N, C-alpha and C. Protein backbone atom coordinates (compact mmCIF):
# COMPACT_ATOMS: atom_id res chain seq x y z
N MET A 1 25.92 -6.54 29.28
CA MET A 1 25.20 -7.52 28.48
C MET A 1 23.82 -7.00 28.09
N LYS A 2 23.10 -6.40 29.03
CA LYS A 2 21.76 -5.90 28.74
C LYS A 2 21.79 -4.79 27.70
N LYS A 3 22.82 -3.97 27.74
CA LYS A 3 22.93 -2.87 26.79
C LYS A 3 23.07 -3.41 25.37
N TYR A 4 23.84 -4.47 25.20
CA TYR A 4 24.05 -5.04 23.87
C TYR A 4 22.77 -5.67 23.33
N ILE A 5 22.03 -6.33 24.19
CA ILE A 5 20.76 -6.93 23.77
C ILE A 5 19.78 -5.84 23.36
N PHE A 6 19.71 -4.77 24.14
CA PHE A 6 18.82 -3.66 23.83
C PHE A 6 19.17 -3.04 22.48
N ILE A 7 20.47 -2.83 22.23
CA ILE A 7 20.91 -2.27 20.95
C ILE A 7 20.56 -3.21 19.81
N LEU A 8 20.76 -4.50 20.02
CA LEU A 8 20.42 -5.49 19.00
C LEU A 8 18.93 -5.46 18.70
N LEU A 9 18.10 -5.40 19.75
CA LEU A 9 16.65 -5.33 19.54
C LEU A 9 16.25 -4.07 18.80
N LEU A 10 16.86 -2.95 19.14
CA LEU A 10 16.57 -1.71 18.41
C LEU A 10 16.94 -1.84 16.94
N GLY A 11 18.05 -2.50 16.67
CA GLY A 11 18.47 -2.71 15.28
C GLY A 11 17.49 -3.57 14.52
N ILE A 12 16.99 -4.62 15.17
CA ILE A 12 16.01 -5.50 14.52
C ILE A 12 14.70 -4.76 14.28
N ILE A 13 14.23 -4.03 15.28
CA ILE A 13 12.98 -3.27 15.13
C ILE A 13 13.13 -2.22 14.04
N GLY A 14 14.27 -1.53 14.02
CA GLY A 14 14.52 -0.51 13.00
C GLY A 14 14.56 -1.09 11.60
N SER A 15 15.19 -2.26 11.44
CA SER A 15 15.27 -2.86 10.11
C SER A 15 13.90 -3.35 9.66
N ASN A 16 13.09 -3.88 10.58
CA ASN A 16 11.74 -4.31 10.22
C ASN A 16 10.87 -3.13 9.83
N HIS A 17 11.01 -2.01 10.54
CA HIS A 17 10.24 -0.81 10.21
C HIS A 17 10.66 -0.28 8.84
N ALA A 18 11.97 -0.30 8.56
CA ALA A 18 12.45 0.17 7.26
C ALA A 18 11.92 -0.74 6.16
N HIS A 19 11.89 -2.05 6.41
CA HIS A 19 11.35 -2.99 5.42
C HIS A 19 9.87 -2.71 5.19
N ALA A 20 9.12 -2.45 6.26
CA ALA A 20 7.69 -2.16 6.13
C ALA A 20 7.48 -0.87 5.34
N ASP A 21 8.31 0.15 5.60
CA ASP A 21 8.21 1.40 4.85
C ASP A 21 8.49 1.17 3.38
N GLU A 22 9.55 0.40 3.09
CA GLU A 22 9.91 0.10 1.70
C GLU A 22 8.81 -0.70 1.02
N CYS A 23 8.24 -1.65 1.74
CA CYS A 23 7.15 -2.46 1.19
C CYS A 23 5.93 -1.58 0.92
N GLY A 24 5.62 -0.69 1.85
CA GLY A 24 4.50 0.23 1.66
C GLY A 24 4.70 1.13 0.47
N ASP A 25 5.94 1.61 0.28
CA ASP A 25 6.24 2.47 -0.86
C ASP A 25 6.08 1.72 -2.18
N ARG A 26 6.58 0.49 -2.22
CA ARG A 26 6.45 -0.31 -3.46
C ARG A 26 4.99 -0.60 -3.77
N ASN A 27 4.21 -0.91 -2.74
CA ASN A 27 2.80 -1.20 -2.98
C ASN A 27 2.02 0.05 -3.33
N LYS A 28 2.45 1.20 -2.84
CA LYS A 28 1.82 2.46 -3.23
C LYS A 28 2.05 2.72 -4.72
N GLU A 29 3.27 2.44 -5.20
CA GLU A 29 3.56 2.59 -6.63
C GLU A 29 2.70 1.65 -7.46
N LEU A 30 2.54 0.42 -7.00
CA LEU A 30 1.71 -0.55 -7.71
C LEU A 30 0.25 -0.08 -7.74
N ALA A 31 -0.25 0.41 -6.61
CA ALA A 31 -1.63 0.91 -6.55
C ALA A 31 -1.82 2.08 -7.50
N GLN A 32 -0.80 2.95 -7.58
CA GLN A 32 -0.89 4.10 -8.49
C GLN A 32 -0.94 3.64 -9.94
N GLN A 33 -0.15 2.63 -10.29
CA GLN A 33 -0.16 2.09 -11.65
C GLN A 33 -1.52 1.48 -11.99
N ILE A 34 -2.10 0.76 -11.04
CA ILE A 34 -3.42 0.15 -11.26
C ILE A 34 -4.47 1.23 -11.49
N LEU A 35 -4.46 2.27 -10.66
CA LEU A 35 -5.44 3.35 -10.80
C LEU A 35 -5.23 4.11 -12.11
N ASN A 36 -3.98 4.37 -12.47
CA ASN A 36 -3.68 5.06 -13.74
C ASN A 36 -4.17 4.25 -14.93
N SER A 37 -3.97 2.94 -14.88
CA SER A 37 -4.40 2.06 -15.97
C SER A 37 -5.92 2.07 -16.10
N ALA A 38 -6.62 2.01 -14.97
CA ALA A 38 -8.08 2.05 -15.00
C ALA A 38 -8.57 3.39 -15.53
N ALA A 39 -7.93 4.47 -15.13
CA ALA A 39 -8.33 5.80 -15.60
C ALA A 39 -8.11 5.94 -17.10
N LYS A 40 -6.99 5.42 -17.57
CA LYS A 40 -6.67 5.50 -19.00
C LYS A 40 -7.71 4.73 -19.83
N SER A 41 -8.18 3.61 -19.29
CA SER A 41 -9.14 2.80 -20.04
C SER A 41 -10.49 3.49 -20.21
N VAL A 42 -10.81 4.45 -19.33
CA VAL A 42 -12.07 5.19 -19.47
C VAL A 42 -11.85 6.63 -19.94
N GLY A 43 -10.62 6.97 -20.28
CA GLY A 43 -10.33 8.28 -20.84
C GLY A 43 -10.25 9.42 -19.86
N HIS A 44 -9.89 9.14 -18.62
CA HIS A 44 -9.77 10.19 -17.60
C HIS A 44 -8.40 10.13 -16.94
N GLU A 45 -8.11 11.14 -16.14
CA GLU A 45 -6.88 11.18 -15.35
C GLU A 45 -7.18 10.63 -13.95
N ALA A 46 -6.17 10.01 -13.35
CA ALA A 46 -6.30 9.50 -11.99
C ALA A 46 -5.62 10.45 -11.01
N SER A 47 -6.14 10.50 -9.80
CA SER A 47 -5.49 11.27 -8.75
C SER A 47 -4.29 10.48 -8.22
N ASP A 48 -3.51 11.10 -7.38
CA ASP A 48 -2.46 10.37 -6.67
C ASP A 48 -3.12 9.53 -5.60
N VAL A 49 -2.62 8.32 -5.40
CA VAL A 49 -3.17 7.47 -4.34
C VAL A 49 -2.61 7.91 -3.00
N THR A 50 -3.41 7.71 -1.97
CA THR A 50 -2.99 8.03 -0.61
C THR A 50 -3.27 6.82 0.27
N PRO A 51 -2.45 6.60 1.29
CA PRO A 51 -2.72 5.49 2.20
C PRO A 51 -4.09 5.67 2.85
N SER A 52 -4.82 4.59 2.95
CA SER A 52 -6.15 4.64 3.55
C SER A 52 -6.03 4.93 5.04
N SER A 53 -6.96 5.70 5.55
CA SER A 53 -6.92 6.02 6.98
C SER A 53 -7.47 4.89 7.83
N THR A 54 -8.18 3.95 7.22
CA THR A 54 -8.77 2.87 8.00
C THR A 54 -7.76 1.76 8.28
N VAL A 55 -7.15 1.21 7.26
CA VAL A 55 -6.18 0.13 7.43
C VAL A 55 -5.03 0.39 6.49
N TYR A 56 -3.83 0.40 7.02
CA TYR A 56 -2.66 0.55 6.18
C TYR A 56 -1.50 -0.19 6.82
N GLU A 57 -0.85 -0.97 6.06
CA GLU A 57 0.37 -1.65 6.46
C GLU A 57 0.16 -2.57 7.65
N SER A 58 -0.81 -3.42 7.57
CA SER A 58 -1.05 -4.37 8.66
C SER A 58 -0.11 -5.55 8.56
N GLY A 59 0.78 -5.54 7.61
CA GLY A 59 1.75 -6.61 7.46
C GLY A 59 1.65 -7.26 6.10
N ASP A 60 0.47 -7.68 5.73
CA ASP A 60 0.31 -8.32 4.43
C ASP A 60 -0.84 -7.71 3.64
N ARG A 61 -1.34 -6.58 4.08
CA ARG A 61 -2.46 -5.92 3.40
C ARG A 61 -2.24 -4.41 3.44
N PHE A 62 -2.28 -3.81 2.27
CA PHE A 62 -2.08 -2.37 2.14
C PHE A 62 -3.29 -1.80 1.42
N GLU A 63 -3.87 -0.73 1.95
CA GLU A 63 -5.04 -0.11 1.34
C GLU A 63 -4.73 1.34 0.99
N PHE A 64 -5.16 1.73 -0.21
CA PHE A 64 -4.93 3.08 -0.70
C PHE A 64 -6.23 3.62 -1.26
N ASP A 65 -6.39 4.93 -1.21
CA ASP A 65 -7.56 5.60 -1.77
C ASP A 65 -7.12 6.44 -2.96
N GLY A 66 -8.00 6.54 -3.95
CA GLY A 66 -7.72 7.36 -5.12
C GLY A 66 -9.00 7.69 -5.86
N TYR A 67 -8.88 8.58 -6.82
CA TYR A 67 -10.05 9.04 -7.57
C TYR A 67 -9.77 8.98 -9.07
N ILE A 68 -10.81 8.64 -9.82
CA ILE A 68 -10.82 8.79 -11.27
C ILE A 68 -12.01 9.69 -11.56
N TYR A 69 -11.71 10.86 -12.09
CA TYR A 69 -12.70 11.91 -12.29
C TYR A 69 -13.32 12.21 -10.94
N ARG A 70 -14.58 11.92 -10.70
CA ARG A 70 -15.20 12.17 -9.39
C ARG A 70 -15.49 10.89 -8.63
N ALA A 71 -15.13 9.77 -9.19
CA ALA A 71 -15.42 8.48 -8.56
C ALA A 71 -14.29 8.07 -7.61
N ALA A 72 -14.68 7.65 -6.41
CA ALA A 72 -13.70 7.23 -5.40
C ALA A 72 -13.44 5.73 -5.52
N TYR A 73 -12.18 5.37 -5.38
CA TYR A 73 -11.76 3.97 -5.46
C TYR A 73 -10.88 3.63 -4.28
N LYS A 74 -10.90 2.36 -3.90
CA LYS A 74 -9.98 1.83 -2.91
C LYS A 74 -9.17 0.75 -3.62
N ILE A 75 -7.86 0.81 -3.47
CA ILE A 75 -6.97 -0.19 -4.06
C ILE A 75 -6.40 -0.99 -2.90
N ILE A 76 -6.64 -2.30 -2.92
CA ILE A 76 -6.17 -3.18 -1.85
C ILE A 76 -5.10 -4.09 -2.44
N VAL A 77 -3.93 -4.07 -1.83
CA VAL A 77 -2.81 -4.91 -2.27
C VAL A 77 -2.52 -5.90 -1.15
N LYS A 78 -2.65 -7.19 -1.45
CA LYS A 78 -2.32 -8.24 -0.47
C LYS A 78 -0.99 -8.85 -0.89
N THR A 79 -0.08 -8.97 0.08
CA THR A 79 1.27 -9.45 -0.22
C THR A 79 1.60 -10.69 0.60
N ASP A 80 2.67 -11.37 0.17
CA ASP A 80 3.19 -12.46 0.99
C ASP A 80 4.21 -11.89 1.97
N GLN A 81 4.92 -12.74 2.69
CA GLN A 81 5.86 -12.28 3.71
C GLN A 81 7.04 -11.51 3.14
N SER A 82 7.36 -11.75 1.88
CA SER A 82 8.50 -11.06 1.27
C SER A 82 8.07 -9.79 0.54
N CYS A 83 6.83 -9.37 0.73
CA CYS A 83 6.28 -8.14 0.15
C CYS A 83 5.95 -8.29 -1.33
N PHE A 84 5.90 -9.51 -1.84
CA PHE A 84 5.53 -9.73 -3.23
C PHE A 84 4.01 -9.71 -3.33
N PRO A 85 3.45 -8.91 -4.24
CA PRO A 85 1.98 -8.83 -4.36
C PRO A 85 1.37 -10.17 -4.78
N LYS A 86 0.40 -10.63 -4.02
CA LYS A 86 -0.33 -11.86 -4.35
C LYS A 86 -1.66 -11.54 -5.02
N GLU A 87 -2.27 -10.43 -4.59
CA GLU A 87 -3.60 -10.08 -5.09
C GLU A 87 -3.77 -8.57 -5.02
N VAL A 88 -4.33 -8.00 -6.08
CA VAL A 88 -4.63 -6.57 -6.11
C VAL A 88 -6.09 -6.41 -6.47
N GLU A 89 -6.79 -5.59 -5.71
CA GLU A 89 -8.22 -5.40 -5.93
C GLU A 89 -8.51 -3.90 -6.07
N LEU A 90 -9.25 -3.54 -7.10
CA LEU A 90 -9.69 -2.17 -7.32
C LEU A 90 -11.18 -2.13 -7.01
N VAL A 91 -11.56 -1.39 -5.98
CA VAL A 91 -12.95 -1.36 -5.52
C VAL A 91 -13.55 0.01 -5.80
N ASP A 92 -14.65 0.02 -6.56
CA ASP A 92 -15.40 1.25 -6.82
C ASP A 92 -16.28 1.49 -5.60
N LEU A 93 -16.01 2.54 -4.85
CA LEU A 93 -16.74 2.78 -3.61
C LEU A 93 -18.19 3.21 -3.84
N ALA A 94 -18.53 3.66 -5.04
CA ALA A 94 -19.90 4.06 -5.34
C ALA A 94 -20.82 2.85 -5.47
N THR A 95 -20.29 1.73 -5.89
CA THR A 95 -21.11 0.54 -6.09
C THR A 95 -21.06 -0.40 -4.90
N LYS A 96 -20.30 -0.07 -3.89
CA LYS A 96 -20.16 -0.96 -2.74
C LYS A 96 -21.25 -0.73 -1.74
């Protein structure tokens, strides 16, 4: 009986981790689109976004770092429980 419960718990933990990875990937794509759009509006290229080293995937908040020309930006994506974006914020780190 204990073996079956342990296997079931591993399955649940594994599926939640896979969901978090998938959610993180989708939000990374969204952050990249936001940064690309901002870069296009000022006539520059955007870097690839990278997960922030400070906070990433806390459950409903995803933070990414990126650059437009030489300016550093943080893209914050806040989601609901189903990983649907509720709020996206582009923060210019030079003015913060």
